[in-house]
Amino acid sequence: DRLSAALDTPQLLLETLSLAIGNLRTEPEKAGIVFTDDFAPVEEFTNSILLDSIFEPEEKTQREGHE
């Protein structure tokens, strides 16, 4: 929602996110063993870097406006 509201968000990013969200599954389509590293430390580290780069500038601007 925050990315959609931002005027400078590239349309390609919004379309990609929409497609990805539309294809999320709570369970595998077929029965069997599923191998994943979604909880590997490197995943959390990478995700935090990406999210900080997206949201930190906005939060910093909000903090500066309240001081």
Protein backbone atom coordinates (compact mmCIF):
# COMPACT_ATOMS: atom_id res chain seq x y z
CA ASP A 1 0.00 0.00 0.00
CA ARG A 2 2.84 2.38 0.85
CA LEU A 3 4.56 1.72 -2.45
CA SER A 4 1.33 2.19 -4.38
CA ALA A 5 0.75 5.52 -2.66
CA ALA A 6 4.25 6.80 -3.43
CA LEU A 7 4.30 8.81 -6.65
CA ASP A 8 7.87 7.78 -7.51
CA THR A 9 7.31 3.99 -7.36
CA PRO A 10 8.07 2.45 -10.76
CA GLN A 11 5.04 0.86 -12.43
CA LEU A 12 7.07 -2.29 -13.21
CA LEU A 13 7.69 -2.81 -9.49
CA LEU A 14 3.98 -2.47 -8.68
CA GLU A 15 3.04 -4.92 -11.45
CA THR A 16 5.70 -7.41 -10.30
CA LEU A 17 4.54 -7.21 -6.69
CA SER A 18 0.93 -7.66 -7.74
CA LEU A 19 1.82 -10.75 -9.77
CA ALA A 20 3.93 -12.20 -6.95
CA ILE A 21 1.23 -11.61 -4.33
CA GLY A 22 -1.37 -13.14 -6.61
CA ASN A 23 0.70 -16.31 -6.91
CA LEU A 24 1.41 -16.86 -3.20
CA ARG A 25 0.43 -20.31 -1.98
CA THR A 26 -0.06 -21.47 1.58
CA GLU A 27 0.56 -25.10 0.63
CA PRO A 28 2.50 -26.83 -2.12
CA GLU A 29 0.43 -27.78 -5.17
CA LYS A 30 1.62 -31.40 -4.99
CA ALA A 31 2.29 -33.65 -2.03
CA GLY A 32 5.91 -34.37 -1.23
CA ILE A 33 8.99 -32.95 0.42
CA VAL A 34 9.54 -29.22 0.01
CA PHE A 35 13.06 -27.91 0.41
CA THR A 36 13.37 -24.25 1.33
CA ASP A 37 15.84 -21.87 2.90
CA ASP A 38 13.30 -19.15 3.62
CA PHE A 39 14.43 -18.96 7.23
CA ALA A 40 18.15 -18.97 6.57
CA PRO A 41 20.01 -16.09 8.26
CA VAL A 42 21.11 -14.72 4.90
CA GLU A 43 17.46 -14.37 3.86
CA GLU A 44 16.64 -12.28 6.93
CA PHE A 45 19.74 -10.14 6.43
CA THR A 46 19.00 -9.52 2.75
CA ASN A 47 15.33 -8.78 3.42
CA SER A 48 16.20 -6.27 6.15
CA ILE A 49 18.60 -4.45 3.81
CA LEU A 50 15.96 -4.23 1.09
CA LEU A 51 13.19 -3.10 3.42
CA ASP A 52 15.43 -0.53 5.10
CA SER A 53 16.37 0.95 1.74
CA ILE A 54 12.70 1.24 0.78
CA PHE A 55 11.20 2.52 4.01
CA GLU A 56 14.05 4.23 5.89
CA PRO A 57 14.15 7.40 3.75
CA GLU A 58 10.43 8.00 4.34
CA GLU A 59 10.68 7.35 8.08
CA LYS A 60 13.73 9.58 8.33
CA THR A 61 11.83 12.37 6.59
CA GLN A 62 8.89 11.90 8.96
CA ARG A 63 11.19 12.05 12.01
CA GLU A 64 12.88 15.21 10.74
CA GLY A 65 9.49 16.84 10.21
CA HIS A 66 8.49 16.25 13.84
CA GLU A 67 11.64 17.69 15.39
